Amino acid sequence: MKKLIVAIVLTIAGVVANAAPHCCYFSNEGNKVTIIFTDEDAVGEYIISDVMLYPIEGGEGYEANSADTNVTDGVAKVTLTFQHLTKFSNPIIKLSINGKEAEFKVAILKGTWR
């Protein structure tokens, strides 16, 4: 019985760990910073707000110039653009998704985008 409970808890933890937004594209070309992230747990509405890029961990934050969201088959693809920046050290995105705070590291690219 204990093994079954542990297996269920680990399964739920694995699903929750994979259901967070993660960066899949980062570019600093064309006089702007472009970041694309996906979220595989986008059920229903997917509203983002309060988007901030912290190019240097613990440093000044920059608001997004634009945000384009597309949800298909429960997967959200969000394209963010920011002003052109030249210095990055462990950049982080902080934002709200459907009113809940979230963050992810930009330098850890995961998955693919199309």
Protein backbone atom coordinates (compact mmCIF):
# COMPACT_ATOMS: atom_id res chain seq x y z
CA MET A 1 0.00 0.00 0.00
CA LYS A 2 2.83 2.40 0.85
CA LYS A 3 4.47 1.71 -2.51
CA LEU A 4 1.23 2.53 -4.31
CA ILE A 5 0.88 5.84 -2.47
CA VAL A 6 4.50 6.75 -3.19
CA ALA A 7 4.04 5.86 -6.87
CA ILE A 8 0.94 8.06 -7.11
CA VAL A 9 2.66 11.00 -5.40
CA LEU A 10 5.70 10.71 -7.69
CA THR A 11 3.49 10.55 -10.76
CA ILE A 12 1.61 13.68 -9.72
CA ALA A 13 4.88 15.46 -8.93
CA GLY A 14 6.24 14.53 -12.36
CA VAL A 15 3.18 15.91 -14.11
CA VAL A 16 3.27 19.12 -12.10
CA ALA A 17 6.99 19.56 -12.77
CA ASN A 18 6.45 19.27 -16.53
CA ALA A 19 3.41 21.54 -16.55
CA ALA A 20 5.34 24.76 -15.95
CA PRO A 21 6.16 27.35 -18.60
CA HIS A 22 9.59 26.86 -20.13
CA CYS A 23 11.66 28.82 -22.61
CA CYS A 24 12.19 27.26 -26.01
CA TYR A 25 13.63 30.21 -27.97
CA PHE A 26 15.76 33.26 -27.15
CA SER A 27 17.12 35.88 -29.57
CA ASN A 28 18.79 39.25 -29.15
CA GLU A 29 18.77 40.28 -32.82
CA GLY A 30 17.01 42.97 -34.80
CA ASN A 31 17.14 45.66 -32.09
CA LYS A 32 14.89 43.65 -29.78
CA VAL A 33 14.92 40.68 -27.44
CA THR A 34 12.53 37.90 -28.46
CA ILE A 35 11.64 35.09 -26.08
CA ILE A 36 9.25 32.26 -26.90
CA PHE A 37 7.97 30.00 -24.17
CA THR A 38 5.50 27.15 -24.09
CA ASP A 39 3.23 25.81 -21.39
CA GLU A 40 1.80 22.32 -21.88
CA ASP A 41 -0.87 22.83 -19.22
CA ALA A 42 -2.94 25.54 -20.91
CA VAL A 43 -6.52 24.47 -20.30
CA GLY A 44 -9.19 27.07 -21.04
CA GLU A 45 -8.15 30.71 -20.95
CA TYR A 46 -4.45 31.54 -20.90
CA ILE A 47 -4.05 35.15 -19.83
CA ILE A 48 -0.59 36.52 -19.12
CA SER A 49 0.14 39.82 -17.39
CA ASP A 50 2.84 41.64 -15.46
CA VAL A 51 5.57 40.24 -17.75
CA MET A 52 9.07 41.26 -16.67
CA LEU A 53 12.49 40.24 -17.98
CA TYR A 54 15.36 40.34 -15.52
CA PRO A 55 18.42 40.07 -17.80
CA ILE A 56 20.77 39.99 -14.83
CA GLU A 57 19.61 37.88 -11.92
CA GLY A 58 18.78 40.23 -9.06
CA GLY A 59 19.05 43.27 -11.34
CA GLU A 60 16.63 45.72 -12.93
CA GLY A 61 13.54 44.35 -14.66
CA TYR A 62 12.15 45.35 -18.07
CA GLU A 63 8.50 45.21 -19.13
CA ALA A 64 7.53 43.38 -22.31
CA ASN A 65 6.87 45.56 -25.36
CA SER A 66 4.49 42.94 -26.74
CA ALA A 67 3.08 39.52 -25.95
CA ASP A 68 1.37 37.21 -28.44
CA THR A 69 -0.37 34.12 -27.08
CA ASN A 70 -1.63 31.15 -29.07
CA VAL A 71 -3.22 28.06 -27.45
CA THR A 72 -3.65 24.87 -29.47
CA ASP A 73 -4.62 21.47 -28.06
CA GLY A 74 -3.83 22.51 -24.48
CA VAL A 75 -0.38 23.90 -25.31
CA ALA A 76 0.25 27.63 -25.07
CA LYS A 77 2.93 29.27 -27.19
CA VAL A 78 3.77 32.80 -26.08
CA THR A 79 6.05 35.18 -27.97
CA LEU A 80 7.42 38.07 -25.90
CA THR A 81 9.44 41.02 -27.18
CA PHE A 82 11.48 43.45 -25.11
CA GLN A 83 13.73 46.41 -25.83
CA HIS A 84 17.20 45.57 -27.10
CA LEU A 85 19.54 44.67 -24.24
CA THR A 86 23.21 43.75 -24.37
CA LYS A 87 24.07 42.17 -21.03
CA PHE A 88 22.66 38.90 -19.75
CA SER A 89 23.57 36.75 -16.77
CA ASN A 90 21.09 34.02 -15.79
CA PRO A 91 18.07 35.91 -17.23
CA ILE A 92 14.66 35.22 -15.70
CA ILE A 93 11.09 35.92 -16.83
CA LYS A 94 8.54 36.68 -14.10
CA LEU A 95 4.87 36.95 -15.01
CA SER A 96 1.32 36.12 -14.00
CA ILE A 97 -0.58 33.36 -15.78
CA ASN A 98 -4.32 33.49 -15.13
CA GLY A 99 -3.57 35.50 -11.99
CA LYS A 100 -0.94 33.12 -10.59
CA GLU A 101 2.70 34.16 -10.36
CA ALA A 102 5.19 32.13 -12.40
CA GLU A 103 8.81 32.39 -13.44
CA PHE A 104 11.31 30.52 -15.57
CA LYS A 105 14.93 30.81 -16.56
CA VAL A 106 15.54 31.99 -20.09
CA ALA A 107 18.95 30.35 -20.44
CA ILE A 108 17.48 26.86 -20.01
CA LEU A 109 15.97 26.04 -23.38
CA LYS A 110 13.58 23.13 -23.34
CA GLY A 111 11.41 21.65 -26.07
CA THR A 112 10.80 22.92 -29.56
CA TRP A 113 8.61 25.53 -31.14
CA ARG A 114 7.03 25.97 -34.58
